[in-house]
C-alpha atoms as a PDB file:
ATOM      1  CA  UNK A   1      47.485 241.914  38.887  1.00  0.00           C
ATOM      2  CA  UNK A   2      51.260 241.970  37.944  1.00  0.00           C
ATOM      3  CA  UNK A   3      53.305 240.676  40.160  1.00  0.00           C
ATOM      4  CA  UNK A   4      55.190 243.071  42.011  1.00  0.00           C
ATOM      5  CA  UNK A   5      59.204 242.834  41.694  1.00  0.00           C
ATOM      6  CA  UNK A   6      60.597 246.070  43.891  1.00  0.00           C
ATOM      7  CA  UNK A   7      61.258 243.956  46.914  1.00  0.00           C
ATOM      8  CA  UNK A   8      63.288 241.444  44.834  1.00  0.00           C
ATOM      9  CA  UNK A   9      65.195 243.996  43.101  1.00  0.00           C
ATOM     10  CA  UNK A  10      66.333 245.714  46.089  1.00  0.00           C
ATOM     11  CA  UNK A  11      67.092 242.348  47.315  1.00  0.00           C
ATOM     12  CA  UNK A  12      69.533 242.474  44.281  1.00  0.00           C
ATOM     13  CA  UNK A  13      71.043 245.599  44.449  1.00  0.00           C
ATOM     14  CA  UNK A  14      72.058 244.782  47.858  1.00  0.00           C
ATOM     15  CA  UNK A  15      73.583 241.659  46.494  1.00  0.00           C
ATOM     16  CA  UNK A  16      75.385 243.973  43.742  1.00  0.00           C
ATOM     17  CA  UNK A  17      77.091 245.766  46.199  1.00  0.00           C
ATOM     18  CA  UNK A  18      77.484 243.332  48.466  1.00  0.00           C
ATOM     19  CA  UNK A  19      80.269 242.205  45.530  1.00  0.00           C
ATOM     20  CA  UNK A  20      81.250 245.359  45.092  1.00  0.00           C
ATOM     21  CA  UNK A  21      82.764 245.857  48.309  1.00  0.00           C
ATOM     22  CA  UNK A  22      84.078 242.869  48.511  1.00  0.00           C
ATOM     23  CA  UNK A  23      85.730 242.688  45.603  1.00  0.00           C
ATOM     24  CA  UNK A  24      87.105 246.223  46.654  1.00  0.00           C
ATOM     25  CA  UNK A  25      88.712 245.247  50.063  1.00  0.00           C
ATOM     26  CA  UNK A  26      90.884 242.937  48.684  1.00  0.00           C
ATOM     27  CA  UNK A  27      94.277 243.579  48.021  1.00  0.00           C
ATOM     28  CA  UNK A  28      95.523 243.366  44.210  1.00  0.00           C
ATOM     29  CA  UNK A  29      98.753 244.903  44.994  1.00  0.00           C
ATOM     30  CA  UNK A  30      97.903 248.423  44.202  1.00  0.00           C
ATOM     31  CA  UNK A  31      98.042 251.251  47.558  1.00  0.00           C
ATOM     32  CA  UNK A  32      93.607 251.154  47.535  1.00  0.00           C
ATOM     33  CA  UNK A  33      92.641 253.102  51.174  1.00  0.00           C
ATOM     34  CA  UNK A  34      89.309 250.629  51.106  1.00  0.00           C
ATOM     35  CA  UNK A  35      91.478 246.917  51.198  1.00  0.00           C
ATOM     36  CA  UNK A  36      92.152 248.230  55.477  1.00  0.00           C
ATOM     37  CA  UNK A  37      87.998 249.066  55.346  1.00  0.00           C
ATOM     38  CA  UNK A  38      87.619 245.400  57.307  1.00  0.00           C
ATOM     39  CA  UNK A  39      90.441 246.210  59.953  1.00  0.00           C
ATOM     40  CA  UNK A  40      89.295 247.242  63.357  1.00  0.00           C
ATOM     41  CA  UNK A  41      92.126 248.289  66.347  1.00  0.00           C
ATOM     42  CA  UNK A  42      91.536 248.009  70.157  1.00  0.00           C
ATOM     43  CA  UNK A  43      90.526 251.986  71.199  1.00  0.00           C
ATOM     44  CA  UNK A  44      90.392 252.551  74.949  1.00  0.00           C
ATOM     45  CA  UNK A  45      88.969 249.301  75.682  1.00  0.00           C
ATOM     46  CA  UNK A  46      86.571 248.803  72.611  1.00  0.00           C
ATOM     47  CA  UNK A  47      87.407 247.546  69.111  1.00  0.00           C
ATOM     48  CA  UNK A  48      85.810 250.401  66.709  1.00  0.00           C
ATOM     49  CA  UNK A  49      87.204 250.017  62.204  1.00  0.00           C
ATOM     50  CA  UNK A  50      90.482 251.513  61.809  1.00  0.00           C
ATOM     51  CA  UNK A  51      89.140 254.798  59.730  1.00  0.00           C
ATOM     52  CA  UNK A  52      87.508 255.894  63.025  1.00  0.00           C
ATOM     53  CA  UNK A  53      90.585 256.356  64.891  1.00  0.00           C
ATOM     54  CA  UNK A  54      92.992 257.268  62.126  1.00  0.00           C
ATOM     55  CA  UNK A  55      93.595 258.895  58.736  1.00  0.00           C
ATOM     56  CA  UNK A  56      93.774 256.946  55.807  1.00  0.00           C
ATOM     57  CA  UNK A  57      95.793 258.559  52.805  1.00  0.00           C
ATOM     58  CA  UNK A  58      98.304 257.069  50.167  1.00  0.00           C
ATOM     59  CA  UNK A  59     101.175 257.518  49.996  1.00  0.00           C
ATOM     60  CA  UNK A  60     102.139 256.101  46.935  1.00  0.00           C
ATOM     61  CA  UNK A  61     100.933 253.360  44.319  1.00  0.00           C
ATOM     62  CA  UNK A  62     102.299 250.574  46.747  1.00  0.00           C
ATOM     63  CA  UNK A  63     101.744 251.707  49.539  1.00  0.00           C
ATOM     64  CA  UNK A  64      99.386 253.679  51.847  1.00  0.00           C
ATOM     65  CA  UNK A  65     100.309 256.280  55.179  1.00  0.00           C
ATOM     66  CA  UNK A  66      98.298 255.375  58.241  1.00  0.00           C
ATOM     67  CA  UNK A  67      98.486 258.299  60.897  1.00  0.00           C
ATOM     68  CA  UNK A  68      96.250 257.834  63.683  1.00  0.00           C
ATOM     69  CA  UNK A  69      95.182 260.730  65.945  1.00  0.00           C
ATOM     70  CA  UNK A  70      96.273 259.722  68.941  1.00  0.00           C
ATOM     71  CA  UNK A  71      99.836 258.555  68.607  1.00  0.00           C
ATOM     72  CA  UNK A  72      99.832 256.782  71.795  1.00  0.00           C
ATOM     73  CA  UNK A  73      97.745 254.109  69.369  1.00  0.00           C
ATOM     74  CA  UNK A  74     100.445 253.621  66.572  1.00  0.00           C
ATOM     75  CA  UNK A  75     101.137 250.051  68.490  1.00  0.00           C
ATOM     76  CA  UNK A  76      97.886 249.517  68.620  1.00  0.00           C
ATOM     77  CA  UNK A  77      96.878 250.465  64.816  1.00  0.00           C
ATOM     78  CA  UNK A  78     100.156 247.871  64.145  1.00  0.00           C
ATOM     79  CA  UNK A  79      98.831 245.822  66.041  1.00  0.00           C
ATOM     80  CA  UNK A  80      94.961 245.006  64.088  1.00  0.00           C
ATOM     81  CA  UNK A  81      96.943 245.930  60.069  1.00  0.00           C
ATOM     82  CA  UNK A  82      98.761 242.708  61.315  1.00  0.00           C
ATOM     83  CA  UNK A  83      95.932 240.944  62.832  1.00  0.00           C
ATOM     84  CA  UNK A  84      94.343 241.655  59.229  1.00  0.00           C
ATOM     85  CA  UNK A  85      95.890 238.770  57.704  1.00  0.00           C
ATOM     86  CA  UNK A  86      96.012 241.227  54.564  1.00  0.00           C
ATOM     87  CA  UNK A  87      99.186 240.269  53.499  1.00  0.00           C
ATOM     88  CA  UNK A  88     100.367 243.175  54.325  1.00  0.00           C
ATOM     89  CA  UNK A  89     104.201 244.450  54.938  1.00  0.00           C
ATOM     90  CA  UNK A  90     103.511 248.370  57.796  1.00  0.00           C
ATOM     91  CA  UNK A  91     106.874 250.019  58.405  1.00  0.00           C
ATOM     92  CA  UNK A  92     106.173 252.783  61.824  1.00  0.00           C
ATOM     93  CA  UNK A  93     108.162 255.435  62.101  1.00  0.00           C
ATOM     94  CA  UNK A  94     107.454 259.014  63.649  1.00  0.00           C
ATOM     95  CA  UNK A  95     104.926 259.991  61.521  1.00  0.00           C
ATOM     96  CA  UNK A  96     102.515 257.156  61.836  1.00  0.00           C
ATOM     97  CA  UNK A  97     102.232 253.619  60.085  1.00  0.00           C
ATOM     98  CA  UNK A  98     103.371 252.619  56.223  1.00  0.00           C
ATOM     99  CA  UNK A  99     101.111 250.097  54.415  1.00  0.00           C
ATOM    100  CA  UNK A 100     103.063 248.709  52.039  1.00  0.00           C
ATOM    101  CA  UNK A 101     101.578 246.608  49.726  1.00  0.00           C
ATOM    102  CA  UNK A 102     103.693 243.448  48.248  1.00  0.00           C
ATOM    103  CA  UNK A 103     103.939 242.803  44.382  1.00  0.00           C
ATOM    104  CA  UNK A 104     101.843 240.008  43.297  1.00  0.00           C
ATOM    105  CA  UNK A 105     103.234 236.933  42.265  1.00  0.00           C
ATOM    106  CA  UNK A 106     101.629 234.498  40.090  1.00  0.00           C
ATOM    107  CA  UNK A 107     100.447 231.928  42.443  1.00  0.00           C
ATOM    108  CA  UNK A 108      98.961 234.627  44.822  1.00  0.00           C
ATOM    109  CA  UNK A 109      97.326 236.396  41.904  1.00  0.00           C
ATOM    110  CA  UNK A 110      95.920 232.881  40.615  1.00  0.00           C
ATOM    111  CA  UNK A 111      94.141 232.607  44.487  1.00  0.00           C
ATOM    112  CA  UNK A 112      93.295 235.770  44.553  1.00  0.00           C
ATOM    113  CA  UNK A 113      91.263 234.911  41.138  1.00  0.00           C
ATOM    114  CA  UNK A 114      89.936 232.004  43.584  1.00  0.00           C
ATOM    115  CA  UNK A 115      88.493 234.118  45.656  1.00  0.00           C
ATOM    116  CA  UNK A 116      87.084 236.169  43.206  1.00  0.00           C
ATOM    117  CA  UNK A 117      85.387 233.257  42.443  1.00  0.00           C
ATOM    118  CA  UNK A 118      84.363 232.484  45.307  1.00  0.00           C
ATOM    119  CA  UNK A 119      82.952 235.919  46.299  1.00  0.00           C
ATOM    120  CA  UNK A 120      80.936 235.835  42.789  1.00  0.00           C
ATOM    121  CA  UNK A 121      79.913 232.031  43.208  1.00  0.00           C
ATOM    122  CA  UNK A 122      77.786 233.407  46.848  1.00  0.00           C
ATOM    123  CA  UNK A 123      76.700 236.000  45.349  1.00  0.00           C
ATOM    124  CA  UNK A 124      75.235 233.626  42.531  1.00  0.00           C
ATOM    125  CA  UNK A 125      73.491 231.622  45.843  1.00  0.00           C
ATOM    126  CA  UNK A 126      72.056 234.479  47.104  1.00  0.00           C
ATOM    127  CA  UNK A 127      70.437 235.752  43.584  1.00  0.00           C
ATOM    128  CA  UNK A 128      69.223 231.542  43.208  1.00  0.00           C
ATOM    129  CA  UNK A 129      67.314 232.022  47.352  1.00  0.00           C
ATOM    130  CA  UNK A 130      66.043 235.627  46.230  1.00  0.00           C
ATOM    131  CA  UNK A 131      64.440 234.336  42.946  1.00  0.00           C
ATOM    132  CA  UNK A 132      63.254 231.303  45.071  1.00  0.00           C
ATOM    133  CA  UNK A 133      61.511 233.340  46.644  1.00  0.00           C
ATOM    134  CA  UNK A 134      59.481 235.176  44.156  1.00  0.00           C
ATOM    135  CA  UNK A 135      58.704 232.163  42.117  1.00  0.00           C
ATOM    136  CA  UNK A 136      57.343 230.604  45.692  1.00  0.00           C
ATOM    137  CA  UNK A 137      55.694 233.899  45.990  1.00  0.00           C
ATOM    138  CA  UNK A 138      54.544 234.227  42.890  1.00  0.00           C
ATOM    139  CA  UNK A 139      53.100 230.054  42.996  1.00  0.00           C
ATOM    140  CA  UNK A 140      50.995 231.002  46.060  1.00  0.00           C
ATOM    141  CA  UNK A 141      49.648 234.080  44.133  1.00  0.00           C
ATOM    142  CA  UNK A 142      48.079 231.529  41.715  1.00  0.00           C
ATOM    143  CA  UNK A 143      46.873 228.706  44.242  1.00  0.00           C
ATOM    144  CA  UNK A 144      45.052 231.794  45.691  1.00  0.00           C
ATOM    145  CA  UNK A 145      43.150 233.340  43.154  1.00  0.00           C
ATOM    146  CA  UNK A 146      44.931 236.766  43.144  1.00  0.00           C
ATOM    147  CA  UNK A 147      46.491 236.118  40.148  1.00  0.00           C
ATOM    148  CA  UNK A 148      45.918 233.923  36.406  1.00  0.00           C
ATOM    149  CA  UNK A 149      48.114 231.289  35.753  1.00  0.00           C
ATOM    150  CA  UNK A 150      48.707 233.915  32.327  1.00  0.00           C
ATOM    151  CA  UNK A 151      49.942 236.422  34.857  1.00  0.00           C
ATOM    152  CA  UNK A 152      51.931 233.410  36.530  1.00  0.00           C
ATOM    153  CA  UNK A 153      53.852 232.893  33.203  1.00  0.00           C
ATOM    154  CA  UNK A 154      54.541 236.334  32.274  1.00  0.00           C
ATOM    155  CA  UNK A 155      55.466 237.049  35.879  1.00  0.00           C
ATOM    156  CA  UNK A 156      57.833 234.265  36.151  1.00  0.00           C
ATOM    157  CA  UNK A 157      59.716 235.382  32.291  1.00  0.00           C
ATOM    158  CA  UNK A 158      59.922 238.641  33.109  1.00  0.00           C
ATOM    159  CA  UNK A 159      62.168 237.561  36.800  1.00  0.00           C
ATOM    160  CA  UNK A 160      64.154 234.980  34.148  1.00  0.00           C
ATOM    161  CA  UNK A 161      64.708 238.434  32.693  1.00  0.00           C
ATOM    162  CA  UNK A 162      66.052 240.072  36.028  1.00  0.00           C
ATOM    163  CA  UNK A 163      68.115 237.511  37.209  1.00  0.00           C
ATOM    164  CA  UNK A 164      69.842 237.538  33.070  1.00  0.00           C
ATOM    165  CA  UNK A 165      70.669 241.157  33.415  1.00  0.00           C
ATOM    166  CA  UNK A 166      72.022 240.579  37.612  1.00  0.00           C
ATOM    167  CA  UNK A 167      74.056 237.466  36.233  1.00  0.00           C
ATOM    168  CA  UNK A 168      75.075 239.007  33.655  1.00  0.00           C
ATOM    169  CA  UNK A 169      76.468 242.590  35.623  1.00  0.00           C
ATOM    170  CA  UNK A 170      77.430 240.390  38.714  1.00  0.00           C
ATOM    171  CA  UNK A 171      80.139 238.315  35.652  1.00  0.00           C
ATOM    172  CA  UNK A 172      80.764 241.190  34.170  1.00  0.00           C
ATOM    173  CA  UNK A 173      81.585 242.563  37.625  1.00  0.00           C
ATOM    174  CA  UNK A 174      84.372 239.658  38.011  1.00  0.00           C
ATOM    175  CA  UNK A 175      85.649 239.641  34.408  1.00  0.00           C
ATOM    176  CA  UNK A 176      86.605 243.705  35.270  1.00  0.00           C
ATOM    177  CA  UNK A 177      88.434 242.292  38.171  1.00  0.00           C
ATOM    178  CA  UNK A 178      90.160 239.333  37.556  1.00  0.00           C
ATOM    179  CA  UNK A 179      91.424 241.105  34.275  1.00  0.00           C
ATOM    180  CA  UNK A 180      92.896 243.881  37.356  1.00  0.00           C
ATOM    181  CA  UNK A 181      94.303 241.212  39.357  1.00  0.00           C
ATOM    182  CA  UNK A 182      96.051 239.443  36.332  1.00  0.00           C
ATOM    183  CA  UNK A 183      96.955 242.543  34.860  1.00  0.00           C
END
């Protein structure tokens, strides 16, 4: 019986999606509505994602336009963006809020690369945890007689190939984002 890696591959796909989402939400000096995905605002007594109360559009390469559907919520939206600690400047006008992305300095770029590395390491740790679960399952199947020793070694080899592939993919995502940050 060959080991079924389908659950493992699903979990690994989630790790890749997590890393992509985390990287897309980082401020790299260019206006991107995804940077505001994690921002929540107070709206009628509850906290909701910013995108549920406002239209977010790109005004120019360094500026986003946030236009709340209810103009009475402009102050709450502004407070939510400022409180999110994304390092963005905000300016309120009669149309809504302009979110300005500051020019990155060498120091802020290096700090951002450190954050990118931390996110990569989080993803790697999750992959290692998932690998341990699969290894333990392969061992237990071999001990219970559901799998021969040869099948166990084939399963471990296949697992290592998948791990090498995912680590390469995660590393490629990091390198691509690092190039974007360092300009």
